[in-house]
N, C-alpha and C. Protein backbone atom coordinates (compact mmCIF):
# COMPACT_ATOMS: atom_id res chain seq x y z
N MET A 1 18.33 -62.99 27.82
CA MET A 1 17.40 -63.55 26.67
C MET A 1 17.44 -63.10 25.64
N LYS A 2 17.34 -64.14 24.33
CA LYS A 2 17.34 -63.39 23.31
C LYS A 2 16.54 -64.44 22.31
N GLU A 3 16.41 -63.80 21.05
CA GLU A 3 15.35 -64.70 20.28
C GLU A 3 16.01 -66.16 20.04
N TYR A 4 14.86 -66.98 20.03
CA TYR A 4 15.09 -68.48 19.77
C TYR A 4 15.43 -69.09 21.06
N ASP A 5 15.65 -68.40 22.26
CA ASP A 5 15.97 -68.88 23.31
C ASP A 5 14.57 -69.77 23.66
N ARG A 6 14.62 -70.96 24.34
CA ARG A 6 13.51 -71.84 24.93
C ARG A 6 13.30 -71.28 26.37
N VAL A 7 12.04 -71.00 26.80
CA VAL A 7 11.63 -70.31 27.84
C VAL A 7 10.65 -70.96 28.58
N ARG A 8 10.49 -70.68 29.96
CA ARG A 8 9.24 -71.18 30.79
C ARG A 8 8.82 -70.16 31.27
N LEU A 9 7.30 -69.90 31.49
CA LEU A 9 6.88 -68.85 32.18
C LEU A 9 6.87 -69.28 33.76
N ILE A 10 6.97 -68.49 34.39
CA ILE A 10 7.37 -68.60 35.87
C ILE A 10 6.22 -67.98 36.86
N ARG A 11 5.47 -67.08 36.29
CA ARG A 11 4.45 -66.42 36.87
C ARG A 11 2.99 -66.32 36.26
N ASP A 12 2.11 -66.35 37.11
CA ASP A 12 0.83 -66.39 36.42
C ASP A 12 0.31 -64.96 36.61
N LYS A 13 -0.19 -64.52 35.64
CA LYS A 13 -0.84 -62.88 35.67
C LYS A 13 -2.20 -63.16 34.83
N SER A 14 -3.05 -62.15 35.01
CA SER A 14 -4.57 -62.18 34.37
C SER A 14 -4.07 -61.98 32.72
N GLU A 15 -3.18 -61.12 32.51
CA GLU A 15 -2.89 -61.03 31.04
C GLU A 15 -2.39 -61.93 30.45
N TYR A 16 -1.77 -62.98 30.93
CA TYR A 16 -1.34 -64.23 30.39
C TYR A 16 -2.44 -65.26 30.18
N ALA A 17 -3.27 -65.01 31.34
CA ALA A 17 -4.17 -66.03 31.47
C ALA A 17 -5.38 -65.99 30.26
N GLU A 18 -5.49 -64.69 29.78
CA GLU A 18 -6.37 -64.20 28.90
C GLU A 18 -5.67 -64.51 27.62
N ALA A 19 -4.55 -65.06 27.35
CA ALA A 19 -3.98 -65.17 26.14
C ALA A 19 -3.69 -66.99 26.14
N GLY A 20 -4.31 -67.60 27.53
CA GLY A 20 -4.52 -68.98 27.42
C GLY A 20 -3.16 -69.74 27.80
N VAL A 21 -2.15 -68.88 28.72
CA VAL A 21 -0.95 -69.44 29.19
C VAL A 21 -0.88 -69.45 30.51
N LYS A 22 -0.05 -70.39 31.32
CA LYS A 22 0.04 -70.13 32.65
C LYS A 22 1.51 -70.79 33.12
N ALA A 23 1.80 -70.61 34.10
CA ALA A 23 3.12 -70.80 34.72
C ALA A 23 3.45 -72.40 34.39
N GLY A 24 4.34 -72.41 33.95
CA GLY A 24 4.79 -73.98 33.77
C GLY A 24 5.13 -74.22 32.22
N ASP A 25 4.21 -73.33 31.54
CA ASP A 25 4.24 -73.38 29.96
C ASP A 25 5.59 -73.21 29.58
N GLU A 26 5.79 -73.80 28.28
CA GLU A 26 6.95 -73.74 27.60
C GLU A 26 7.05 -73.22 26.31
N GLY A 27 7.74 -72.26 25.87
CA GLY A 27 7.83 -71.90 24.67
C GLY A 27 8.91 -71.26 23.99
N ILE A 28 9.25 -70.62 22.79
CA ILE A 28 10.37 -69.91 22.27
C ILE A 28 10.02 -68.49 22.01
N ILE A 29 11.00 -67.89 22.29
CA ILE A 29 11.01 -66.41 22.09
C ILE A 29 11.26 -66.10 20.69
N LEU A 30 10.32 -65.00 20.11
CA LEU A 30 10.50 -64.94 18.70
C LEU A 30 10.47 -63.35 18.56
N GLY A 31 11.86 -62.76 18.25
CA GLY A 31 11.92 -61.40 18.05
C GLY A 31 12.71 -60.70 19.25
N PRO A 32 13.01 -59.57 19.19
CA PRO A 32 13.74 -58.88 20.37
C PRO A 32 12.76 -58.15 21.32
N LYS A 33 13.34 -57.78 22.49
CA LYS A 33 12.54 -57.26 23.30
C LYS A 33 12.15 -56.12 23.24
N LYS A 34 10.54 -55.69 23.36
CA LYS A 34 10.03 -54.37 23.12
C LYS A 34 9.43 -53.94 24.41
N LEU A 35 9.74 -52.79 24.82
CA LEU A 35 8.99 -52.23 26.19
C LEU A 35 8.99 -53.31 27.01
N GLY A 36 10.12 -53.81 27.36
CA GLY A 36 10.26 -54.84 28.36
C GLY A 36 9.49 -56.43 28.18
N TYR A 37 8.89 -56.43 26.93
CA TYR A 37 8.26 -57.66 26.84
C TYR A 37 8.86 -58.48 25.56
N PHE A 38 8.80 -59.80 25.68
CA PHE A 38 9.03 -60.77 24.49
C PHE A 38 7.77 -61.44 24.00
N LEU A 39 8.00 -61.54 22.72
CA LEU A 39 6.78 -62.35 22.13
C LEU A 39 7.23 -63.86 22.22
N VAL A 40 6.48 -64.58 23.04
CA VAL A 40 6.62 -66.07 23.01
C VAL A 40 5.54 -67.03 22.62
N ILE A 41 6.22 -67.76 21.56
CA ILE A 41 5.21 -68.70 20.98
C ILE A 41 5.37 -70.06 22.04
N PHE A 42 4.27 -70.42 22.67
CA PHE A 42 4.04 -71.45 23.76
C PHE A 42 3.59 -72.68 22.93
N ASP A 43 4.33 -73.65 23.51
CA ASP A 43 3.99 -75.28 22.86
C ASP A 43 2.36 -75.58 22.66
N GLY A 44 2.26 -76.20 21.70
CA GLY A 44 0.93 -76.75 21.32
C GLY A 44 1.05 -78.19 20.76
N GLU A 45 -0.28 -78.38 20.46
CA GLU A 45 -0.32 -79.95 19.61
C GLU A 45 -0.56 -79.62 18.17
N ILE A 46 -0.19 -80.57 17.32
CA ILE A 46 -0.62 -80.22 15.97
C ILE A 46 -1.45 -81.82 15.68
N TYR A 47 -2.63 -81.07 15.02
CA TYR A 47 -3.76 -82.26 14.82
C TYR A 47 -4.26 -81.94 13.34
N GLN A 48 -5.16 -82.91 12.61
CA GLN A 48 -5.87 -82.78 11.63
C GLN A 48 -7.09 -82.59 11.84
N ASP A 49 -7.81 -81.61 11.25
CA ASP A 49 -9.05 -81.45 11.43
C ASP A 49 -9.94 -82.31 10.52
N LYS A 50 -11.24 -82.18 10.47
CA LYS A 50 -12.28 -83.12 9.90
C LYS A 50 -12.02 -82.90 8.33
N ASN A 51 -11.69 -81.55 7.88
CA ASN A 51 -11.42 -81.59 6.70
C ASN A 51 -10.02 -81.81 5.88
N GLY A 52 -9.15 -82.46 6.93
CA GLY A 52 -7.85 -82.85 6.40
C GLY A 52 -6.74 -81.74 6.71
N THR A 53 -7.13 -80.62 7.17
CA THR A 53 -6.19 -79.39 7.29
C THR A 53 -5.51 -79.94 8.61
N TYR A 54 -4.26 -79.69 8.36
CA TYR A 54 -3.30 -79.49 9.66
C TYR A 54 -3.37 -78.30 10.63
N CYS A 55 -3.69 -78.30 11.84
CA CYS A 55 -3.89 -77.24 12.51
C CYS A 55 -2.90 -77.30 13.79
N THR A 56 -2.90 -76.06 14.76
CA THR A 56 -2.10 -76.09 15.98
C THR A 56 -2.89 -75.55 17.04
N THR A 57 -2.56 -75.96 18.39
CA THR A 57 -2.86 -75.23 19.33
C THR A 57 -1.98 -74.35 19.97
N GLU A 58 -0.94 -74.09 19.35
CA GLU A 58 0.04 -73.04 19.80
C GLU A 58 -0.38 -71.78 20.38
N LYS A 59 0.18 -71.10 21.11
CA LYS A 59 -0.21 -69.79 21.66
C LYS A 59 0.72 -68.97 21.88
N ASP A 60 0.27 -67.43 21.45
CA ASP A 60 1.61 -66.62 21.62
C ASP A 60 0.87 -65.59 22.74
N ALA A 61 2.11 -64.86 23.32
CA ALA A 61 1.65 -63.82 24.35
C ALA A 61 3.18 -62.94 24.35
N ALA A 62 2.57 -61.76 24.75
CA ALA A 62 3.79 -60.77 24.95
C ALA A 62 3.93 -60.92 26.65
N VAL A 63 5.35 -61.31 26.77
CA VAL A 63 5.39 -61.71 28.32
C VAL A 63 6.61 -61.01 28.77
N LEU A 64 6.53 -60.42 29.97
CA LEU A 64 7.64 -59.67 30.58
C LEU A 64 8.85 -60.53 30.72
N GLU A 65 10.11 -60.00 30.86
CA GLU A 65 11.38 -60.63 30.90
C GLU A 65 11.40 -61.34 32.01
N GLU A 66 11.09 -60.62 33.25
CA GLU A 66 11.15 -61.21 34.71
C GLU A 66 10.17 -62.33 34.79
N ASP A 67 9.07 -62.38 33.88
CA ASP A 67 7.98 -63.55 34.14
C ASP A 67 8.55 -64.81 33.35
N LEU A 68 9.77 -65.03 32.71
CA LEU A 68 10.39 -66.08 32.15
C LEU A 68 11.63 -66.49 32.73
N GLU A 69 12.04 -67.86 32.42
CA GLU A 69 13.41 -68.22 32.67
C GLU A 69 13.74 -69.27 31.59
N VAL A 70 15.11 -68.87 31.16
CA VAL A 70 15.66 -69.61 29.93
C VAL A 70 15.83 -71.08 30.65
N ILE A 71 15.39 -72.00 29.47
CA ILE A 71 15.51 -73.40 29.88
C ILE A 71 16.42 -74.00 28.81
N GLY A 72 16.61 -73.38 27.79
CA GLY A 72 17.67 -73.67 26.63
C GLY A 72 17.89 -72.60 25.39
N GLU A 73 18.77 -72.81 24.81
CA GLU A 73 19.22 -72.17 23.64
C GLU A 73 19.09 -72.85 22.31
């Protein structure tokens, strides 16, 4: 696994649930592995709030390599 790989979370853990992600969620690795974890930005929706500002529901989490599978590069 490396930076910018597209990945899927394959295990549920309480630390991931606290970050708002669950098994099956997909995202992109940002940065190198540190202490066995990758920073993953999980997909979300883009929307415009009542003031016209564009926002996103993306979530980020530090995920153990063993809990990810690569689904694209």
